[in-house]
All heavy atoms as atom14 arrays in JSON, in Angstrom:
{
  "sequence": "TDPDQAGVVEVEAGYRVVRLVAGPVQPLRVGDLVPHVKGFAGAVMAW",
  "atom14_mask": [
    [1, 1, 1, 1, 1, 1, 1, 0, 0, 0, 0, 0, 0, 0],
    [1, 1, 1, 1, 1, 1, 1, 1, 0, 0, 0, 0, 0, 0],
    [1, 1, 1, 1, 1, 1, 1, 0, 0, 0, 0, 0, 0, 0],
    [1, 1, 1, 1, 1, 1, 1, 1, 0, 0, 0, 0, 0, 0],
    [1, 1, 1, 1, 1, 1, 1, 1, 1, 0, 0, 0, 0, 0],
    [1, 1, 1, 1, 1, 0, 0, 0, 0, 0, 0, 0, 0, 0],
    [1, 1, 1, 1, 0, 0, 0, 0, 0, 0, 0, 0, 0, 0],
    [1, 1, 1, 1, 1, 1, 1, 0, 0, 0, 0, 0, 0, 0],
    [1, 1, 1, 1, 1, 1, 1, 0, 0, 0, 0, 0, 0, 0],
    [1, 1, 1, 1, 1, 1, 1, 1, 1, 0, 0, 0, 0, 0],
    [1, 1, 1, 1, 1, 1, 1, 0, 0, 0, 0, 0, 0, 0],
    [1, 1, 1, 1, 1, 1, 1, 1, 1, 0, 0, 0, 0, 0],
    [1, 1, 1, 1, 1, 0, 0, 0, 0, 0, 0, 0, 0, 0],
    [1, 1, 1, 1, 0, 0, 0, 0, 0, 0, 0, 0, 0, 0],
    [1, 1, 1, 1, 1, 1, 1, 1, 1, 1, 1, 1, 0, 0],
    [1, 1, 1, 1, 1, 1, 1, 1, 1, 1, 1, 0, 0, 0],
    [1, 1, 1, 1, 1, 1, 1, 0, 0, 0, 0, 0, 0, 0],
    [1, 1, 1, 1, 1, 1, 1, 0, 0, 0, 0, 0, 0, 0],
    [1, 1, 1, 1, 1, 1, 1, 1, 1, 1, 1, 0, 0, 0],
    [1, 1, 1, 1, 1, 1, 1, 1, 0, 0, 0, 0, 0, 0],
    [1, 1, 1, 1, 1, 1, 1, 0, 0, 0, 0, 0, 0, 0],
    [1, 1, 1, 1, 1, 0, 0, 0, 0, 0, 0, 0, 0, 0],
    [1, 1, 1, 1, 0, 0, 0, 0, 0, 0, 0, 0, 0, 0],
    [1, 1, 1, 1, 1, 1, 1, 0, 0, 0, 0, 0, 0, 0],
    [1, 1, 1, 1, 1, 1, 1, 0, 0, 0, 0, 0, 0, 0],
    [1, 1, 1, 1, 1, 1, 1, 1, 1, 0, 0, 0, 0, 0],
    [1, 1, 1, 1, 1, 1, 1, 0, 0, 0, 0, 0, 0, 0],
    [1, 1, 1, 1, 1, 1, 1, 1, 0, 0, 0, 0, 0, 0],
    [1, 1, 1, 1, 1, 1, 1, 1, 1, 1, 1, 0, 0, 0],
    [1, 1, 1, 1, 1, 1, 1, 0, 0, 0, 0, 0, 0, 0],
    [1, 1, 1, 1, 0, 0, 0, 0, 0, 0, 0, 0, 0, 0],
    [1, 1, 1, 1, 1, 1, 1, 1, 0, 0, 0, 0, 0, 0],
    [1, 1, 1, 1, 1, 1, 1, 1, 0, 0, 0, 0, 0, 0],
    [1, 1, 1, 1, 1, 1, 1, 0, 0, 0, 0, 0, 0, 0],
    [1, 1, 1, 1, 1, 1, 1, 0, 0, 0, 0, 0, 0, 0],
    [1, 1, 1, 1, 1, 1, 1, 1, 1, 1, 0, 0, 0, 0],
    [1, 1, 1, 1, 1, 1, 1, 0, 0, 0, 0, 0, 0, 0],
    [1, 1, 1, 1, 1, 1, 1, 1, 1, 0, 0, 0, 0, 0],
    [1, 1, 1, 1, 0, 0, 0, 0, 0, 0, 0, 0, 0, 0],
    [1, 1, 1, 1, 1, 1, 1, 1, 1, 1, 1, 0, 0, 0],
    [1, 1, 1, 1, 1, 0, 0, 0, 0, 0, 0, 0, 0, 0],
    [1, 1, 1, 1, 0, 0, 0, 0, 0, 0, 0, 0, 0, 0],
    [1, 1, 1, 1, 1, 0, 0, 0, 0, 0, 0, 0, 0, 0],
    [1, 1, 1, 1, 1, 1, 1, 0, 0, 0, 0, 0, 0, 0],
    [1, 1, 1, 1, 1, 1, 1, 1, 0, 0, 0, 0, 0, 0],
    [1, 1, 1, 1, 1, 0, 0, 0, 0, 0, 0, 0, 0, 0],
    [1, 1, 1, 1, 1, 1, 1, 1, 1, 1, 1, 1, 1, 1]
  ],
  "atom14_positions": [
    [[0.8, -1.23, 0.0], [0.0, 0.0, 0.0], [0.83, 1.27, 0.0], [0.27, 2.37, 0.04], [-0.93, 0.02, 1.22], [-0.15, -0.06, 2.42], [-1.92, -1.14, 1.18], [0.0, 0.0, 0.0], [0.0, 0.0, 0.0], [0.0, 0.0, 0.0], [0.0, 0.0, 0.0], [0.0, 0.0, 0.0], [0.0, 0.0, 0.0], [0.0, 0.0, 0.0]],
    [[2.16, 1.13, -0.06], [3.03, 2.31, -0.04], [4.29, 1.96, -0.84], [4.9, 0.91, -0.59], [3.4, 2.66, 1.41], [4.16, 3.98, 1.52], [5.01, 4.25, 0.66], [3.92, 4.73, 2.49], [0.0, 0.0, 0.0], [0.0, 0.0, 0.0], [0.0, 0.0, 0.0], [0.0, 0.0, 0.0], [0.0, 0.0, 0.0], [0.0, 0.0, 0.0]],
    [[4.71, 2.81, -1.79], [5.9, 2.51, -2.59], [7.15, 2.32, -1.75], [8.09, 1.63, -2.18], [6.02, 3.73, -3.51], [4.66, 4.33, -3.55], [4.05, 4.07, -2.2], [0.0, 0.0, 0.0], [0.0, 0.0, 0.0], [0.0, 0.0, 0.0], [0.0, 0.0, 0.0], [0.0, 0.0, 0.0], [0.0, 0.0, 0.0], [0.0, 0.0, 0.0]],
    [[7.19, 2.92, -0.57], [8.38, 2.82, 0.29], [8.39, 1.56, 1.15], [9.38, 1.3, 1.84], [8.49, 4.05, 1.19], [8.71, 5.34, 0.4], [9.35, 5.26, -0.67], [8.25, 6.4, 0.85], [0.0, 0.0, 0.0], [0.0, 0.0, 0.0], [0.0, 0.0, 0.0], [0.0, 0.0, 0.0], [0.0, 0.0, 0.0], [0.0, 0.0, 0.0]],
    [[7.32, 0.79, 1.12], [7.28, -0.44, 1.91], [8.19, -1.49, 1.31], [8.25, -1.66, 0.09], [5.85, -1.0, 1.97], [4.89, -0.19, 2.82], [3.49, -0.77, 2.76], [3.1, -1.43, 1.79], [2.69, -0.51, 3.8], [0.0, 0.0, 0.0], [0.0, 0.0, 0.0], [0.0, 0.0, 0.0], [0.0, 0.0, 0.0], [0.0, 0.0, 0.0]],
    [[8.88, -2.21, 2.18], [9.68, -3.34, 1.73], [8.77, -4.44, 1.2], [7.66, -4.64, 1.72], [10.53, -3.87, 2.88], [0.0, 0.0, 0.0], [0.0, 0.0, 0.0], [0.0, 0.0, 0.0], [0.0, 0.0, 0.0], [0.0, 0.0, 0.0], [0.0, 0.0, 0.0], [0.0, 0.0, 0.0], [0.0, 0.0, 0.0], [0.0, 0.0, 0.0]],
    [[9.24, -5.16, 0.19], [8.44, -6.23, -0.36], [8.26, -7.38, 0.6], [7.19, -8.0, 0.66], [0.0, 0.0, 0.0], [0.0, 0.0, 0.0], [0.0, 0.0, 0.0], [0.0, 0.0, 0.0], [0.0, 0.0, 0.0], [0.0, 0.0, 0.0], [0.0, 0.0, 0.0], [0.0, 0.0, 0.0], [0.0, 0.0, 0.0], [0.0, 0.0, 0.0]],
    [[9.31, -7.69, 1.35], [9.27, -8.76, 2.35], [9.8, -8.22, 3.66], [10.88, -7.61, 3.69], [10.08, -9.99, 1.9], [10.05, -11.07, 2.98], [9.56, -10.54, 0.58], [0.0, 0.0, 0.0], [0.0, 0.0, 0.0], [0.0, 0.0, 0.0], [0.0, 0.0, 0.0], [0.0, 0.0, 0.0], [0.0, 0.0, 0.0], [0.0, 0.0, 0.0]],
    [[9.06, -8.44, 4.73], [9.5, -8.05, 6.06], [9.66, -9.31, 6.89], [8.71, -10.07, 7.1], [8.48, -7.12, 6.76], [8.94, -6.78, 8.16], [8.27, -5.86, 5.94], [0.0, 0.0, 0.0], [0.0, 0.0, 0.0], [0.0, 0.0, 0.0], [0.0, 0.0, 0.0], [0.0, 0.0, 0.0], [0.0, 0.0, 0.0], [0.0, 0.0, 0.0]],
    [[10.89, -9.56, 7.35], [11.14, -10.68, 8.26], [10.85, -10.19, 9.67], [11.69, -9.58, 10.32], [12.58, -11.16, 8.13], [12.92, -11.77, 6.78], [12.26, -13.13, 6.57], [11.81, -13.75, 7.55], [12.2, -13.56, 5.4], [0.0, 0.0, 0.0], [0.0, 0.0, 0.0], [0.0, 0.0, 0.0], [0.0, 0.0, 0.0], [0.0, 0.0, 0.0]],
    [[9.63, -10.43, 10.13], [9.2, -9.92, 11.43], [10.03, -10.56, 12.53], [10.49, -9.89, 13.46], [7.71, -10.2, 11.64], [7.24, -9.63, 12.97], [6.89, -9.63, 10.49], [0.0, 0.0, 0.0], [0.0, 0.0, 0.0], [0.0, 0.0, 0.0], [0.0, 0.0, 0.0], [0.0, 0.0, 0.0], [0.0, 0.0, 0.0], [0.0, 0.0, 0.0]],
    [[10.2, -11.85, 12.45], [11.11, -12.59, 13.32], [11.42, -13.9, 12.6], [10.8, -14.22, 11.57], [10.5, -12.85, 14.7], [9.22, -13.65, 14.69], [8.7, -13.89, 16.11], [8.09, -12.96, 16.69], [8.92, -15.0, 16.62], [0.0, 0.0, 0.0], [0.0, 0.0, 0.0], [0.0, 0.0, 0.0], [0.0, 0.0, 0.0], [0.0, 0.0, 0.0]],
    [[12.37, -14.63, 13.12], [12.75, -15.89, 12.46], [11.54, -16.8, 12.33], [10.9, -17.14, 13.32], [13.85, -16.57, 13.26], [0.0, 0.0, 0.0], [0.0, 0.0, 0.0], [0.0, 0.0, 0.0], [0.0, 0.0, 0.0], [0.0, 0.0, 0.0], [0.0, 0.0, 0.0], [0.0, 0.0, 0.0], [0.0, 0.0, 0.0], [0.0, 0.0, 0.0]],
    [[11.2, -17.15, 11.09], [10.07, -18.03, 10.86], [8.75, -17.33, 10.61], [7.74, -17.99, 10.36], [0.0, 0.0, 0.0], [0.0, 0.0, 0.0], [0.0, 0.0, 0.0], [0.0, 0.0, 0.0], [0.0, 0.0, 0.0], [0.0, 0.0, 0.0], [0.0, 0.0, 0.0], [0.0, 0.0, 0.0], [0.0, 0.0, 0.0], [0.0, 0.0, 0.0]],
    [[8.74, -16.0, 10.63], [7.5, -15.23, 10.41], [7.82, -14.05, 9.52], [8.58, -13.16, 9.9], [6.92, -14.78, 11.75], [5.84, -13.71, 11.7], [4.98, -13.55, 10.62], [5.67, -12.85, 12.8], [4.0, -12.58, 10.61], [4.68, -11.87, 12.8], [3.86, -11.73, 11.71], [2.88, -10.76, 11.71], [0.0, 0.0, 0.0], [0.0, 0.0, 0.0]],
    [[7.26, -14.06, 8.32], [7.51, -12.98, 7.36], [6.19, -12.49, 6.78], [5.22, -13.24, 6.67], [8.44, -13.45, 6.24], [7.84, -14.46, 5.28], [8.88, -15.26, 4.55], [9.79, -15.92, 5.48], [9.49, -17.05, 6.13], [8.3, -17.64, 5.93], [10.34, -17.57, 6.96], [0.0, 0.0, 0.0], [0.0, 0.0, 0.0], [0.0, 0.0, 0.0]],
    [[6.19, -11.22, 6.4], [5.05, -10.61, 5.72], [5.49, -10.24, 4.3], [6.48, -9.52, 4.13], [4.53, -9.36, 6.46], [3.43, -8.68, 5.66], [4.03, -9.74, 7.85], [0.0, 0.0, 0.0], [0.0, 0.0, 0.0], [0.0, 0.0, 0.0], [0.0, 0.0, 0.0], [0.0, 0.0, 0.0], [0.0, 0.0, 0.0], [0.0, 0.0, 0.0]],
    [[4.79, -10.78, 3.32], [5.1, -10.54, 1.91], [4.08, -9.57, 1.35], [2.88, -9.86, 1.33], [5.08, -11.85, 1.11], [5.35, -11.57, -0.37], [6.1, -12.84, 1.66], [0.0, 0.0, 0.0], [0.0, 0.0, 0.0], [0.0, 0.0, 0.0], [0.0, 0.0, 0.0], [0.0, 0.0, 0.0], [0.0, 0.0, 0.0], [0.0, 0.0, 0.0]],
    [[4.55, -8.4, 0.92], [3.67, -7.37, 0.35], [3.76, -7.42, -1.17], [4.83, -7.25, -1.74], [4.07, -6.0, 0.86], [4.0, -5.82, 2.39], [4.45, -4.43, 2.74], [4.3, -4.1, 4.15], [5.3, -3.68, 4.94], [6.53, -3.56, 4.43], [5.08, -3.36, 6.19], [0.0, 0.0, 0.0], [0.0, 0.0, 0.0], [0.0, 0.0, 0.0]],
    [[2.61, -7.62, -1.81], [2.56, -7.79, -3.25], [1.77, -6.68, -3.91], [0.81, -6.16, -3.33], [1.93, -9.15, -3.58], [2.66, -10.37, -3.02], [1.82, -11.62, -3.2], [4.02, -10.53, -3.68], [0.0, 0.0, 0.0], [0.0, 0.0, 0.0], [0.0, 0.0, 0.0], [0.0, 0.0, 0.0], [0.0, 0.0, 0.0], [0.0, 0.0, 0.0]],
    [[2.17, -6.32, -5.14], [1.48, -5.26, -5.87], [0.23, -5.84, -6.52], [0.28, -6.82, -7.26], [2.39, -4.65, -6.94], [1.62, -3.63, -7.78], [3.6, -3.98, -6.28], [0.0, 0.0, 0.0], [0.0, 0.0, 0.0], [0.0, 0.0, 0.0], [0.0, 0.0, 0.0], [0.0, 0.0, 0.0], [0.0, 0.0, 0.0], [0.0, 0.0, 0.0]],
    [[-0.91, -5.23, -6.19], [-2.19, -5.59, -6.81], [-3.03, -4.33, -6.84], [-3.57, -3.9, -5.83], [-2.89, -6.69, -6.01], [0.0, 0.0, 0.0], [0.0, 0.0, 0.0], [0.0, 0.0, 0.0], [0.0, 0.0, 0.0], [0.0, 0.0, 0.0], [0.0, 0.0, 0.0], [0.0, 0.0, 0.0], [0.0, 0.0, 0.0], [0.0, 0.0, 0.0]],
    [[-3.08, -3.69, -8.0], [-3.75, -2.41, -8.1], [-2.84, -1.27, -7.68], [-1.62, -1.46, -7.51], [0.0, 0.0, 0.0], [0.0, 0.0, 0.0], [0.0, 0.0, 0.0], [0.0, 0.0, 0.0], [0.0, 0.0, 0.0], [0.0, 0.0, 0.0], [0.0, 0.0, 0.0], [0.0, 0.0, 0.0], [0.0, 0.0, 0.0], [0.0, 0.0, 0.0]],
    [[-3.38, -0.07, -7.5], [-2.57, 1.08, -7.1], [-1.84, 0.81, -5.78], [-2.41, 0.22, -4.86], [-3.59, 2.2, -6.93], [-4.79, 1.75, -7.7], [-4.81, 0.26, -7.63], [0.0, 0.0, 0.0], [0.0, 0.0, 0.0], [0.0, 0.0, 0.0], [0.0, 0.0, 0.0], [0.0, 0.0, 0.0], [0.0, 0.0, 0.0], [0.0, 0.0, 0.0]],
    [[-0.59, 1.22, -5.71], [0.2, 1.02, -4.49], [-0.13, 2.14, -3.52], [0.64, 3.1, -3.32], [1.7, 0.95, -4.81], [2.5, 0.64, -3.54], [1.97, -0.13, -5.85], [0.0, 0.0, 0.0], [0.0, 0.0, 0.0], [0.0, 0.0, 0.0], [0.0, 0.0, 0.0], [0.0, 0.0, 0.0], [0.0, 0.0, 0.0], [0.0, 0.0, 0.0]],
    [[-1.29, 2.03, -2.92], [-1.8, 3.02, -1.98], [-2.94, 2.37, -1.2], [-3.49, 1.34, -1.62], [-2.32, 4.25, -2.72], [-3.53, 3.94, -3.61], [-3.95, 5.11, -4.48], [-3.12, 5.69, -5.17], [-5.23, 5.45, -4.44], [0.0, 0.0, 0.0], [0.0, 0.0, 0.0], [0.0, 0.0, 0.0], [0.0, 0.0, 0.0], [0.0, 0.0, 0.0]],
    [[-3.3, 2.93, -0.06], [-4.44, 2.38, 0.67], [-5.73, 2.51, -0.14], [-5.98, 3.53, -0.78], [-4.5, 3.24, 1.95], [-3.14, 3.82, 2.09], [-2.64, 4.02, 0.69], [0.0, 0.0, 0.0], [0.0, 0.0, 0.0], [0.0, 0.0, 0.0], [0.0, 0.0, 0.0], [0.0, 0.0, 0.0], [0.0, 0.0, 0.0], [0.0, 0.0, 0.0]],
    [[-6.53, 1.47, -0.14], [-7.81, 1.48, -0.83], [-8.89, 0.98, 0.13], [-8.64, 0.17, 1.02], [-7.79, 0.56, -2.06], [-6.86, 0.95, -3.22], [-6.9, -0.14, -4.29], [-7.27, 2.29, -3.81], [0.0, 0.0, 0.0], [0.0, 0.0, 0.0], [0.0, 0.0, 0.0], [0.0, 0.0, 0.0], [0.0, 0.0, 0.0], [0.0, 0.0, 0.0]],
    [[-10.1, 1.5, -0.07], [-11.22, 0.98, 0.7], [-11.52, -0.45, 0.27], [-11.22, -0.84, -0.86], [-12.45, 1.87, 0.5], [-12.25, 3.31, 0.98], [-13.5, 4.14, 0.83], [-13.97, 4.22, -0.55], [-15.03, 4.93, -0.94], [-15.7, 5.63, -0.05], [-15.4, 4.94, -2.2], [0.0, 0.0, 0.0], [0.0, 0.0, 0.0], [0.0, 0.0, 0.0]],
    [[-12.11, -1.21, 1.16], [-12.37, -2.62, 0.87], [-13.15, -2.78, -0.43], [-12.82, -3.62, -1.28], [-13.12, -3.29, 2.04], [-13.61, -4.68, 1.64], [-12.22, -3.39, 3.26], [0.0, 0.0, 0.0], [0.0, 0.0, 0.0], [0.0, 0.0, 0.0], [0.0, 0.0, 0.0], [0.0, 0.0, 0.0], [0.0, 0.0, 0.0], [0.0, 0.0, 0.0]],
    [[-14.18, -1.97, -0.62], [-14.99, -2.09, -1.83], [-14.21, -1.82, -3.1], [-14.54, -2.37, -4.17], [0.0, 0.0, 0.0], [0.0, 0.0, 0.0], [0.0, 0.0, 0.0], [0.0, 0.0, 0.0], [0.0, 0.0, 0.0], [0.0, 0.0, 0.0], [0.0, 0.0, 0.0], [0.0, 0.0, 0.0], [0.0, 0.0, 0.0], [0.0, 0.0, 0.0]],
    [[-13.16, -1.0, -3.01], [-12.36, -0.67, -4.19], [-11.31, -1.73, -4.5], [-10.61, -1.65, -5.53], [-11.67, 0.69, -3.99], [-12.67, 1.84, -3.92], [-13.76, 1.71, -4.5], [-12.37, 2.86, -3.25], [0.0, 0.0, 0.0], [0.0, 0.0, 0.0], [0.0, 0.0, 0.0], [0.0, 0.0, 0.0], [0.0, 0.0, 0.0], [0.0, 0.0, 0.0]],
    [[-11.18, -2.72, -3.62], [-10.19, -3.78, -3.84], [-10.72, -4.9, -4.73], [-9.93, -5.69, -5.27], [-9.77, -4.37, -2.48], [-8.88, -3.49, -1.61], [-8.73, -4.1, -0.23], [-7.51, -3.31, -2.25], [0.0, 0.0, 0.0], [0.0, 0.0, 0.0], [0.0, 0.0, 0.0], [0.0, 0.0, 0.0], [0.0, 0.0, 0.0], [0.0, 0.0, 0.0]],
    [[-12.03, -4.97, -4.88], [-12.63, -6.11, -5.6], [-12.04, -6.3, -7.0], [-11.71, -7.44, -7.38], [-14.16, -5.95, -5.66], [-14.78, -7.03, -6.53], [-14.75, -6.02, -4.24], [0.0, 0.0, 0.0], [0.0, 0.0, 0.0], [0.0, 0.0, 0.0], [0.0, 0.0, 0.0], [0.0, 0.0, 0.0], [0.0, 0.0, 0.0], [0.0, 0.0, 0.0]],
    [[-11.85, -5.23, -7.8], [-11.3, -5.45, -9.16], [-9.87, -5.98, -9.15], [-9.38, -6.44, -10.19], [-11.36, -4.05, -9.79], [-12.34, -3.28, -8.98], [-12.21, -3.81, -7.59], [0.0, 0.0, 0.0], [0.0, 0.0, 0.0], [0.0, 0.0, 0.0], [0.0, 0.0, 0.0], [0.0, 0.0, 0.0], [0.0, 0.0, 0.0], [0.0, 0.0, 0.0]],
    [[-9.19, -5.92, -7.99], [-7.78, -6.32, -7.93], [-7.58, -7.68, -7.27], [-6.43, -8.09, -7.07], [-6.99, -5.24, -7.17], [-7.21, -3.85, -7.7], [-6.85, -3.49, -8.99], [-7.78, -2.75, -7.13], [-7.19, -2.22, -9.19], [-7.76, -1.75, -8.09], [0.0, 0.0, 0.0], [0.0, 0.0, 0.0], [0.0, 0.0, 0.0], [0.0, 0.0, 0.0]],
    [[-8.68, -8.37, -6.95], [-8.56, -9.69, -6.31], [-7.84, -10.67, -7.23], [-6.95, -11.42, -6.79], [-9.96, -10.22, -5.92], [-9.88, -11.69, -5.52], [-10.55, -9.4, -4.78], [0.0, 0.0, 0.0], [0.0, 0.0, 0.0], [0.0, 0.0, 0.0], [0.0, 0.0, 0.0], [0.0, 0.0, 0.0], [0.0, 0.0, 0.0], [0.0, 0.0, 0.0]],
    [[-8.19, -10.68, -8.51], [-7.56, -11.61, -9.44], [-6.07, -11.33, -9.56], [-5.25, -12.26, -9.57], [-8.23, -11.51, -10.81], [-7.7, -12.5, -11.83], [-8.49, -12.41, -13.14], [-7.96, -13.42, -14.17], [-8.72, -13.34, -15.45], [0.0, 0.0, 0.0], [0.0, 0.0, 0.0], [0.0, 0.0, 0.0], [0.0, 0.0, 0.0], [0.0, 0.0, 0.0]],
    [[-5.71, -10.04, -9.63], [-4.3, -9.67, -9.73], [-3.52, -10.06, -8.48], [-2.37, -10.5, -8.57], [0.0, 0.0, 0.0], [0.0, 0.0, 0.0], [0.0, 0.0, 0.0], [0.0, 0.0, 0.0], [0.0, 0.0, 0.0], [0.0, 0.0, 0.0], [0.0, 0.0, 0.0], [0.0, 0.0, 0.0], [0.0, 0.0, 0.0], [0.0, 0.0, 0.0]],
    [[-4.15, -9.92, -7.32], [-3.5, -10.3, -6.08], [-3.25, -11.81, -6.05], [-2.16, -12.27, -5.69], [-4.34, -9.87, -4.87], [-3.75, -10.26, -3.55], [-2.68, -9.57, -3.02], [-4.28, -11.33, -2.84], [-2.13, -9.94, -1.79], [-3.75, -11.71, -1.62], [-2.67, -11.01, -1.09], [0.0, 0.0, 0.0], [0.0, 0.0, 0.0], [0.0, 0.0, 0.0]],
    [[-4.27, -12.58, -6.43], [-4.11, -14.03, -6.45], [-2.98, -14.43, -7.4], [-2.16, -15.32, -7.09], [-5.41, -14.69, -6.88], [0.0, 0.0, 0.0], [0.0, 0.0, 0.0], [0.0, 0.0, 0.0], [0.0, 0.0, 0.0], [0.0, 0.0, 0.0], [0.0, 0.0, 0.0], [0.0, 0.0, 0.0], [0.0, 0.0, 0.0], [0.0, 0.0, 0.0]],
    [[-2.9, -13.76, -8.56], [-1.82, -14.05, -9.5], [-0.45, -13.73, -8.93], [0.51, -14.47, -9.14], [0.0, 0.0, 0.0], [0.0, 0.0, 0.0], [0.0, 0.0, 0.0], [0.0, 0.0, 0.0], [0.0, 0.0, 0.0], [0.0, 0.0, 0.0], [0.0, 0.0, 0.0], [0.0, 0.0, 0.0], [0.0, 0.0, 0.0], [0.0, 0.0, 0.0]],
    [[-0.37, -12.61, -8.18], [0.9, -12.22, -7.58], [1.33, -13.22, -6.51], [2.52, -13.54, -6.39], [0.78, -10.82, -6.98], [0.0, 0.0, 0.0], [0.0, 0.0, 0.0], [0.0, 0.0, 0.0], [0.0, 0.0, 0.0], [0.0, 0.0, 0.0], [0.0, 0.0, 0.0], [0.0, 0.0, 0.0], [0.0, 0.0, 0.0], [0.0, 0.0, 0.0]],
    [[0.38, -13.73, -5.74], [0.7, -14.74, -4.72], [1.24, -16.0, -5.4], [2.27, -16.56, -5.01], [-0.54, -15.08, -3.87], [-0.27, -16.3, -2.98], [-0.94, -13.9, -3.01], [0.0, 0.0, 0.0], [0.0, 0.0, 0.0], [0.0, 0.0, 0.0], [0.0, 0.0, 0.0], [0.0, 0.0, 0.0], [0.0, 0.0, 0.0], [0.0, 0.0, 0.0]],
    [[0.54, -16.45, -6.44], [0.96, -17.67, -7.14], [2.33, -17.48, -7.79], [3.16, -18.41, -7.79], [-0.07, -18.07, -8.18], [-1.41, -18.51, -7.6], [-1.25, -19.78, -6.33], [-0.32, -21.03, -7.22], [0.0, 0.0, 0.0], [0.0, 0.0, 0.0], [0.0, 0.0, 0.0], [0.0, 0.0, 0.0], [0.0, 0.0, 0.0], [0.0, 0.0, 0.0]],
    [[2.6, -16.3, -8.32], [3.89, -16.04, -8.96], [5.01, -16.07, -7.92], [6.09, -16.63, -8.17], [3.87, -14.69, -9.68], [0.0, 0.0, 0.0], [0.0, 0.0, 0.0], [0.0, 0.0, 0.0], [0.0, 0.0, 0.0], [0.0, 0.0, 0.0], [0.0, 0.0, 0.0], [0.0, 0.0, 0.0], [0.0, 0.0, 0.0], [0.0, 0.0, 0.0]],
    [[4.76, -15.47, -6.76], [5.78, -15.46, -5.69], [6.1, -16.89, -5.25], [7.26, -17.26, -5.07], [5.27, -14.64, -4.5], [6.31, -14.3, -3.48], [7.06, -13.17, -3.4], [6.71, -15.12, -2.35], [7.9, -13.21, -2.31], [7.71, -14.41, -1.65], [6.33, -16.37, -1.9], [8.33, -14.91, -0.5], [6.95, -16.89, -0.75], [7.92, -16.16, -0.07]]
  ]
}
């Protein structure tokens, strides 16, 4: 949701958060995320 965010954050050993691009790289309301669900799923599968 922010261009300055790291793609992967190793929160601690064995726990990581992977941030993927799906739609505009900015905060969006839940209702505005619906068109980007397919893109998000594709990004997860690609990773």
